[in-house]
Amino acid sequence: MATKYWIAGNPNGEVTDAQVQALKSLSTADLDELDDLAAALPMAAVADLDQDISATYVEAEVQALSDKVDALLAALRTAKLLT
């Protein structure tokens, strides 16, 4: 007779023996490898925009915001997290 497993809190979430064994086989080393992979993504550093906005916006403040958004989008594209 096969052992049955369910996802906690979900009586309809039955999982197979193979799925349970796959989860059981995950080790801390596997998770460390995923952390290393995430750390290796080519994500460019983007500095904080340390800017106070005046009561009446000036062109330079708005341009600085636009430039920062462009830098963030470029970093996401470089990391292939955005197309």
PDB file of N, CA and C in Angstrom:
ATOM      1  N   MET A   1       0.838  -1.176   0.000  1.00  0.00           N
ATOM      2  CA  MET A   1       0.000   0.000   0.000  1.00  0.00           C
ATOM      3  C   MET A   1       0.890   1.248   0.000  1.00  0.00           C
ATOM      4  N   ALA A   2       0.627   2.157  -0.902  1.00  0.00           N
ATOM      5  CA  ALA A   2       1.437   3.368  -1.054  1.00  0.00           C
ATOM      6  C   ALA A   2       1.101   4.372   0.049  1.00  0.00           C
ATOM      7  N   THR A   3       2.130   5.034   0.507  1.00  0.00           N
ATOM      8  CA  THR A   3       1.934   6.093   1.486  1.00  0.00           C
ATOM      9  C   THR A   3       1.410   7.320   0.763  1.00  0.00           C
ATOM     10  N   LYS A   4       0.444   7.997   1.360  1.00  0.00           N
ATOM     11  CA  LYS A   4      -0.098   9.208   0.758  1.00  0.00           C
ATOM     12  C   LYS A   4       0.362  10.405   1.560  1.00  0.00           C
ATOM     13  N   TYR A   5       0.617  11.497   0.853  1.00  0.00           N
ATOM     14  CA  TYR A   5       1.059  12.741   1.472  1.00  0.00           C
ATOM     15  C   TYR A   5       0.166  13.865   0.972  1.00  0.00           C
ATOM     16  N   TRP A   6      -0.038  14.872   1.814  1.00  0.00           N
ATOM     17  CA  TRP A   6      -0.807  16.039   1.422  1.00  0.00           C
ATOM     18  C   TRP A   6      -0.052  17.290   1.811  1.00  0.00           C
ATOM     19  N   ILE A   7      -0.292  18.332   1.051  1.00  0.00           N
ATOM     20  CA  ILE A   7       0.288  19.627   1.377  1.00  0.00           C
ATOM     21  C   ILE A   7      -0.451  20.154   2.603  1.00  0.00           C
ATOM     22  N   ALA A   8       0.281  20.641   3.584  1.00  0.00           N
ATOM     23  CA  ALA A   8      -0.311  21.113   4.836  1.00  0.00           C
ATOM     24  C   ALA A   8      -1.398  22.141   4.570  1.00  0.00           C
ATOM     25  N   GLY A   9      -2.527  21.941   5.228  1.00  0.00           N
ATOM     26  CA  GLY A   9      -3.630  22.887   5.128  1.00  0.00           C
ATOM     27  C   GLY A   9      -4.412  22.796   3.830  1.00  0.00           C
ATOM     28  N   ASN A  10      -4.116  21.811   2.987  1.00  0.00           N
ATOM     29  CA  ASN A  10      -4.816  21.680   1.712  1.00  0.00           C
ATOM     30  C   ASN A  10      -5.198  20.219   1.514  1.00  0.00           C
ATOM     31  N   PRO A  11      -6.422  19.835   1.902  1.00  0.00           N
ATOM     32  CA  PRO A  11      -6.817  18.433   1.787  1.00  0.00           C
ATOM     33  C   PRO A  11      -6.868  17.929   0.349  1.00  0.00           C
ATOM     34  N   ASN A  12      -6.863  18.831  -0.621  1.00  0.00           N
ATOM     35  CA  ASN A  12      -6.880  18.432  -2.031  1.00  0.00           C
ATOM     36  C   ASN A  12      -5.485  18.456  -2.646  1.00  0.00           C
ATOM     37  N   GLY A  13      -4.475  18.751  -1.839  1.00  0.00           N
ATOM     38  CA  GLY A  13      -3.124  18.914  -2.358  1.00  0.00           C
ATOM     39  C   GLY A  13      -2.272  17.667  -2.202  1.00  0.00           C
ATOM     40  N   GLU A  14      -2.761  16.538  -2.677  1.00  0.00           N
ATOM     41  CA  GLU A  14      -1.991  15.294  -2.569  1.00  0.00           C
ATOM     42  C   GLU A  14      -0.745  15.368  -3.447  1.00  0.00           C
ATOM     43  N   VAL A  15       0.360  14.880  -2.921  1.00  0.00           N
ATOM     44  CA  VAL A  15       1.597  14.833  -3.684  1.00  0.00           C
ATOM     45  C   VAL A  15       2.047  13.383  -3.803  1.00  0.00           C
ATOM     46  N   THR A  16       2.843  13.104  -4.807  1.00  0.00           N
ATOM     47  CA  THR A  16       3.289  11.736  -5.065  1.00  0.00           C
ATOM     48  C   THR A  16       4.527  11.397  -4.242  1.00  0.00           C
ATOM     49  N   ASP A  17       4.817  10.090  -4.167  1.00  0.00           N
ATOM     50  CA  ASP A  17       6.036   9.636  -3.498  1.00  0.00           C
ATOM     51  C   ASP A  17       7.269  10.262  -4.139  1.00  0.00           C
ATOM     52  N   ALA A  18       7.284  10.341  -5.463  1.00  0.00           N
ATOM     53  CA  ALA A  18       8.437  10.903  -6.174  1.00  0.00           C
ATOM     54  C   ALA A  18       8.641  12.366  -5.795  1.00  0.00           C
ATOM     55  N   GLN A  19       7.553  13.119  -5.668  1.00  0.00           N
ATOM     56  CA  GLN A  19       7.672  14.525  -5.293  1.00  0.00           C
ATOM     57  C   GLN A  19       8.198  14.667  -3.869  1.00  0.00           C
ATOM     58  N   VAL A  20       7.728  13.812  -2.974  1.00  0.00           N
ATOM     59  CA  VAL A  20       8.200  13.848  -1.592  1.00  0.00           C
ATOM     60  C   VAL A  20       9.680  13.487  -1.540  1.00  0.00           C
ATOM     61  N   GLN A  21      10.087  12.473  -2.283  1.00  0.00           N
ATOM     62  CA  GLN A  21      11.494  12.074  -2.292  1.00  0.00           C
ATOM     63  C   GLN A  21      12.375  13.179  -2.872  1.00  0.00           C
ATOM     64  N   ALA A  22      11.892  13.875  -3.892  1.00  0.00           N
ATOM     65  CA  ALA A  22      12.655  14.972  -4.478  1.00  0.00           C
ATOM     66  C   ALA A  22      12.842  16.097  -3.459  1.00  0.00           C
ATOM     67  N   LEU A  23      11.790  16.410  -2.721  1.00  0.00           N
ATOM     68  CA  LEU A  23      11.905  17.435  -1.682  1.00  0.00           C
ATOM     69  C   LEU A  23      12.834  16.988  -0.567  1.00  0.00           C
ATOM     70  N   LYS A  24      12.722  15.728  -0.203  1.00  0.00           N
ATOM     71  CA  LYS A  24      13.555  15.183   0.876  1.00  0.00           C
ATOM     72  C   LYS A  24      15.032  15.201   0.485  1.00  0.00           C
ATOM     73  N   SER A  25      15.310  15.040  -0.793  1.00  0.00           N
ATOM     74  CA  SER A  25      16.703  14.970  -1.241  1.00  0.00           C
ATOM     75  C   SER A  25      17.387  16.338  -1.313  1.00  0.00           C
ATOM     76  N   LEU A  26      16.585  17.408  -1.244  1.00  0.00           N
ATOM     77  CA  LEU A  26      17.197  18.732  -1.235  1.00  0.00           C
ATOM     78  C   LEU A  26      18.034  18.882   0.024  1.00  0.00           C
ATOM     79  N   SER A  27      19.196  19.418  -0.136  1.00  0.00           N
ATOM     80  CA  SER A  27      20.075  19.611   1.016  1.00  0.00           C
ATOM     81  C   SER A  27      20.424  21.074   1.155  1.00  0.00           C
ATOM     82  N   THR A  28      21.044  21.419   2.242  1.00  0.00           N
ATOM     83  CA  THR A  28      21.509  22.782   2.443  1.00  0.00           C
ATOM     84  C   THR A  28      22.490  23.176   1.347  1.00  0.00           C
ATOM     85  N   ALA A  29      23.307  22.231   0.897  1.00  0.00           N
ATOM     86  CA  ALA A  29      24.271  22.518  -0.164  1.00  0.00           C
ATOM     87  C   ALA A  29      23.547  22.957  -1.435  1.00  0.00           C
ATOM     88  N   ASP A  30      22.428  22.294  -1.746  1.00  0.00           N
ATOM     89  CA  ASP A  30      21.666  22.673  -2.930  1.00  0.00           C
ATOM     90  C   ASP A  30      21.172  24.110  -2.802  1.00  0.00           C
ATOM     91  N   LEU A  31      20.695  24.474  -1.617  1.00  0.00           N
ATOM     92  CA  LEU A  31      20.197  25.821  -1.403  1.00  0.00           C
ATOM     93  C   LEU A  31      21.332  26.833  -1.459  1.00  0.00           C
ATOM     94  N   ASP A  32      22.513  26.455  -0.952  1.00  0.00           N
ATOM     95  CA  ASP A  32      23.665  27.340  -1.038  1.00  0.00           C
ATOM     96  C   ASP A  32      24.043  27.587  -2.498  1.00  0.00           C
ATOM     97  N   GLU A  33      23.927  26.551  -3.326  1.00  0.00           N
ATOM     98  CA  GLU A  33      24.228  26.704  -4.752  1.00  0.00           C
ATOM     99  C   GLU A  33      23.263  27.700  -5.392  1.00  0.00           C
ATOM    100  N   LEU A  34      21.994  27.661  -4.982  1.00  0.00           N
ATOM    101  CA  LEU A  34      21.028  28.617  -5.522  1.00  0.00           C
ATOM    102  C   LEU A  34      21.372  30.038  -5.080  1.00  0.00           C
ATOM    103  N   ASP A  35      21.798  30.196  -3.828  1.00  0.00           N
ATOM    104  CA  ASP A  35      22.216  31.512  -3.351  1.00  0.00           C
ATOM    105  C   ASP A  35      23.412  32.013  -4.155  1.00  0.00           C
ATOM    106  N   ASP A  36      24.380  31.114  -4.422  1.00  0.00           N
ATOM    107  CA  ASP A  36      25.558  31.495  -5.200  1.00  0.00           C
ATOM    108  C   ASP A  36      25.158  31.908  -6.609  1.00  0.00           C
ATOM    109  N   LEU A  37      24.209  31.173  -7.194  1.00  0.00           N
ATOM    110  CA  LEU A  37      23.738  31.498  -8.540  1.00  0.00           C
ATOM    111  C   LEU A  37      23.080  32.871  -8.555  1.00  0.00           C
ATOM    112  N   ALA A  38      22.235  33.131  -7.570  1.00  0.00           N
ATOM    113  CA  ALA A  38      21.564  34.436  -7.503  1.00  0.00           C
ATOM    114  C   ALA A  38      22.587  35.559  -7.327  1.00  0.00           C
ATOM    115  N   ALA A  39      23.613  35.305  -6.522  1.00  0.00           N
ATOM    116  CA  ALA A  39      24.637  36.327  -6.290  1.00  0.00           C
ATOM    117  C   ALA A  39      25.470  36.581  -7.543  1.00  0.00           C
ATOM    118  N   ALA A  40      25.545  35.587  -8.432  1.00  0.00           N
ATOM    119  CA  ALA A  40      26.371  35.713  -9.627  1.00  0.00           C
ATOM    120  C   ALA A  40      25.655  36.399 -10.784  1.00  0.00           C
ATOM    121  N   LEU A  41      24.366  36.691 -10.629  1.00  0.00           N
ATOM    122  CA  LEU A  41      23.652  37.359 -11.708  1.00  0.00           C
ATOM    123  C   LEU A  41      24.322  38.700 -12.003  1.00  0.00           C
ATOM    124  N   PRO A  42      24.466  39.027 -13.278  1.00  0.00           N
ATOM    125  CA  PRO A  42      25.157  40.262 -13.642  1.00  0.00           C
ATOM    126  C   PRO A  42      24.287  41.496 -13.404  1.00  0.00           C
ATOM    127  N   MET A  43      23.979  41.755 -12.151  1.00  0.00           N
ATOM    128  CA  MET A  43      23.142  42.906 -11.809  1.00  0.00           C
ATOM    129  C   MET A  43      24.043  44.085 -11.497  1.00  0.00           C
ATOM    130  N   ALA A  44      23.959  45.101 -12.315  1.00  0.00           N
ATOM    131  CA  ALA A  44      24.795  46.279 -12.123  1.00  0.00           C
ATOM    132  C   ALA A  44      24.349  47.036 -10.873  1.00  0.00           C
ATOM    133  N   ALA A  45      25.300  47.598 -10.164  1.00  0.00           N
ATOM    134  CA  ALA A  45      24.978  48.393  -8.988  1.00  0.00           C
ATOM    135  C   ALA A  45      24.359  49.713  -9.424  1.00  0.00           C
ATOM    136  N   VAL A  46      23.306  50.100  -8.741  1.00  0.00           N
ATOM    137  CA  VAL A  46      22.660  51.380  -9.005  1.00  0.00           C
ATOM    138  C   VAL A  46      22.624  52.130  -7.683  1.00  0.00           C
ATOM    139  N   ALA A  47      23.276  53.270  -7.647  1.00  0.00           N
ATOM    140  CA  ALA A  47      23.342  54.059  -6.414  1.00  0.00           C
ATOM    141  C   ALA A  47      21.983  54.663  -6.086  1.00  0.00           C
ATOM    142  N   ASP A  48      21.744  54.888  -4.797  1.00  0.00           N
ATOM    143  CA  ASP A  48      20.517  55.550  -4.364  1.00  0.00           C
ATOM    144  C   ASP A  48      20.463  56.963  -4.927  1.00  0.00           C
ATOM    145  N   LEU A  49      19.267  57.411  -5.174  1.00  0.00           N
ATOM    146  CA  LEU A  49      19.075  58.793  -5.618  1.00  0.00           C
ATOM    147  C   LEU A  49      18.854  59.617  -4.354  1.00  0.00           C
ATOM    148  N   ASP A  50      19.908  60.194  -3.860  1.00  0.00           N
ATOM    149  CA  ASP A  50      19.863  60.959  -2.616  1.00  0.00           C
ATOM    150  C   ASP A  50      19.508  62.392  -2.966  1.00  0.00           C
ATOM    151  N   GLN A  51      18.197  62.647  -3.086  1.00  0.00           N
ATOM    152  CA  GLN A  51      17.755  63.942  -3.579  1.00  0.00           C
ATOM    153  C   GLN A  51      16.518  64.376  -2.813  1.00  0.00           C
ATOM    154  N   ASP A  52      16.498  65.604  -2.383  1.00  0.00           N
ATOM    155  CA  ASP A  52      15.299  66.194  -1.790  1.00  0.00           C
ATOM    156  C   ASP A  52      14.567  66.938  -2.887  1.00  0.00           C
ATOM    157  N   ILE A  53      13.262  66.759  -2.923  1.00  0.00           N
ATOM    158  CA  ILE A  53      12.457  67.419  -3.950  1.00  0.00           C
ATOM    159  C   ILE A  53      11.948  68.744  -3.393  1.00  0.00           C
ATOM    160  N   SER A  54      12.121  69.798  -4.152  1.00  0.00           N
ATOM    161  CA  SER A  54      11.674  71.117  -3.715  1.00  0.00           C
ATOM    162  C   SER A  54      10.163  71.244  -3.898  1.00  0.00           C
ATOM    163  N   ALA A  55       9.603  72.281  -3.304  1.00  0.00           N
ATOM    164  CA  ALA A  55       8.157  72.519  -3.403  1.00  0.00           C
ATOM    165  C   ALA A  55       7.743  72.775  -4.850  1.00  0.00           C
ATOM    166  N   THR A  56       8.593  73.397  -5.599  1.00  0.00           N
ATOM    167  CA  THR A  56       8.329  73.586  -7.028  1.00  0.00           C
ATOM    168  C   THR A  56       9.399  72.814  -7.782  1.00  0.00           C
ATOM    169  N   TYR A  57       8.965  71.808  -8.511  1.00  0.00           N
ATOM    170  CA  TYR A  57       9.903  70.934  -9.200  1.00  0.00           C
ATOM    171  C   TYR A  57      10.701  71.707 -10.233  1.00  0.00           C
ATOM    172  N   VAL A  58      11.984  71.421 -10.259  1.00  0.00           N
ATOM    173  CA  VAL A  58      12.816  72.044 -11.288  1.00  0.00           C
ATOM    174  C   VAL A  58      13.252  70.957 -12.262  1.00  0.00           C
ATOM    175  N   GLU A  59      13.621  71.369 -13.432  1.00  0.00           N
ATOM    176  CA  GLU A  59      13.978  70.424 -14.495  1.00  0.00           C
ATOM    177  C   GLU A  59      15.054  69.439 -14.044  1.00  0.00           C
ATOM    178  N   ALA A  60      16.045  69.891 -13.305  1.00  0.00           N
ATOM    179  CA  ALA A  60      17.140  69.011 -12.878  1.00  0.00           C
ATOM    180  C   ALA A  60      16.640  67.891 -11.962  1.00  0.00           C
ATOM    181  N   GLU A  61      15.674  68.185 -11.079  1.00  0.00           N
ATOM    182  CA  GLU A  61      15.127  67.159 -10.184  1.00  0.00           C
ATOM    183  C   GLU A  61      14.371  66.098 -10.974  1.00  0.00           C
ATOM    184  N   VAL A  62      13.561  66.552 -11.904  1.00  0.00           N
ATOM    185  CA  VAL A  62      12.784  65.618 -12.725  1.00  0.00           C
ATOM    186  C   VAL A  62      13.722  64.799 -13.612  1.00  0.00           C
ATOM    187  N   GLN A  63      14.738  65.434 -14.175  1.00  0.00           N
ATOM    188  CA  GLN A  63      15.694  64.718 -15.021  1.00  0.00           C
ATOM    189  C   GLN A  63      16.456  63.679 -14.213  1.00  0.00           C
ATOM    190  N   ALA A  64      16.822  63.999 -12.967  1.00  0.00           N
ATOM    191  CA  ALA A  64      17.523  63.039 -12.113  1.00  0.00           C
ATOM    192  C   ALA A  64      16.655  61.807 -11.848  1.00  0.00           C
ATOM    193  N   LEU A  65      15.363  62.007 -11.636  1.00  0.00           N
ATOM    194  CA  LEU A  65      14.446  60.874 -11.452  1.00  0.00           C
ATOM    195  C   LEU A  65      14.364  60.030 -12.720  1.00  0.00           C
ATOM    196  N   SER A  66      14.254  60.696 -13.861  1.00  0.00           N
ATOM    197  CA  SER A  66      14.193  59.984 -15.131  1.00  0.00           C
ATOM    198  C   SER A  66      15.476  59.182 -15.371  1.00  0.00           C
ATOM    199  N   ASP A  67      16.623  59.785 -15.090  1.00  0.00           N
ATOM    200  CA  ASP A  67      17.902  59.096 -15.275  1.00  0.00           C
ATOM    201  C   ASP A  67      18.009  57.873 -14.361  1.00  0.00           C
ATOM    202  N   LYS A  68      17.511  57.991 -13.127  1.00  0.00           N
ATOM    203  CA  LYS A  68      17.579  56.871 -12.182  1.00  0.00           C
ATOM    204  C   LYS A  68      16.693  55.721 -12.649  1.00  0.00           C
ATOM    205  N   VAL A  69      15.501  56.030 -13.129  1.00  0.00           N
ATOM    206  CA  VAL A  69      14.618  54.990 -13.657  1.00  0.00           C
ATOM    207  C   VAL A  69      15.277  54.295 -14.844  1.00  0.00           C
ATOM    208  N   ASP A  70      15.901  55.070 -15.723  1.00  0.00           N
ATOM    209  CA  ASP A  70      16.604  54.486 -16.871  1.00  0.00           C
ATOM    210  C   ASP A  70      17.738  53.569 -16.412  1.00  0.00           C
ATOM    211  N   ALA A  71      18.475  53.972 -15.373  1.00  0.00           N
ATOM    212  CA  ALA A  71      19.579  53.150 -14.861  1.00  0.00           C
ATOM    213  C   ALA A  71      19.055  51.844 -14.268  1.00  0.00           C
ATOM    214  N   LEU A  72      17.941  51.914 -13.544  1.00  0.00           N
ATOM    215  CA  LEU A  72      17.353  50.698 -12.974  1.00  0.00           C
ATOM    216  C   LEU A  72      16.869  49.753 -14.074  1.00  0.00           C
ATOM    217  N   LEU A  73      16.226  50.296 -15.087  1.00  0.00           N
ATOM    218  CA  LEU A  73      15.765  49.462 -16.205  1.00  0.00           C
ATOM    219  C   LEU A  73      16.950  48.822 -16.925  1.00  0.00           C
ATOM    220  N   ALA A  74      18.018  49.575 -17.125  1.00  0.00           N
ATOM    221  CA  ALA A  74      19.202  49.029 -17.788  1.00  0.00           C
ATOM    222  C   ALA A  74      19.814  47.904 -16.955  1.00  0.00           C
ATOM    223  N   ALA A  75      19.870  48.078 -15.636  1.00  0.00           N
ATOM    224  CA  ALA A  75      20.425  47.036 -14.772  1.00  0.00           C
ATOM    225  C   ALA A  75      19.574  45.773 -14.826  1.00  0.00           C
ATOM    226  N   LEU A  76      18.265  45.918 -14.842  1.00  0.00           N
ATOM    227  CA  LEU A  76      17.368  44.768 -14.940  1.00  0.00           C
ATOM    228  C   LEU A  76      17.520  44.065 -16.282  1.00  0.00           C
ATOM    229  N   ARG A  77      17.713  44.825 -17.350  1.00  0.00           N
ATOM    230  CA  ARG A  77      17.910  44.217 -18.673  1.00  0.00           C
ATOM    231  C   ARG A  77      19.256  43.491 -18.737  1.00  0.00           C
ATOM    232  N   THR A  78      20.288  44.073 -18.146  1.00  0.00           N
ATOM    233  CA  THR A  78      21.606  43.434 -18.123  1.00  0.00           C
ATOM    234  C   THR A  78      21.540  42.103 -17.394  1.00  0.00           C
ATOM    235  N   ALA A  79      20.744  42.054 -16.321  1.00  0.00           N
ATOM    236  CA  ALA A  79      20.601  40.827 -15.549  1.00  0.00           C
ATOM    237  C   ALA A  79      19.603  39.868 -16.189  1.00  0.00           C
ATOM    238  N   LYS A  80      19.061  40.259 -17.337  1.00  0.00           N
ATOM    239  CA  LYS A  80      18.081  39.453 -18.075  1.00  0.00           C
ATOM    240  C   LYS A  80      16.838  39.178 -17.237  1.00  0.00           C
ATOM    241  N   LEU A  81      16.497  40.146 -16.371  1.00  0.00           N
ATOM    242  CA  LEU A  81      15.284  40.068 -15.575  1.00  0.00           C
ATOM    243  C   LEU A  81      14.162  40.875 -16.206  1.00  0.00           C
ATOM    244  N   LEU A  82      14.499  41.582 -17.283  1.00  0.00           N
ATOM    245  CA  LEU A  82      13.547  42.412 -18.006  1.00  0.00           C
ATOM    246  C   LEU A  82      13.990  42.449 -19.462  1.00  0.00           C
ATOM    247  N   THR A  83      13.023  42.421 -20.350  1.00  0.00           N
ATOM    248  CA  THR A  83      13.381  42.488 -21.774  1.00  0.00           C
ATOM    249  C   THR A  83      13.083  43.855 -22.329  1.00  0.00           C
TER     250      THR A  83
END
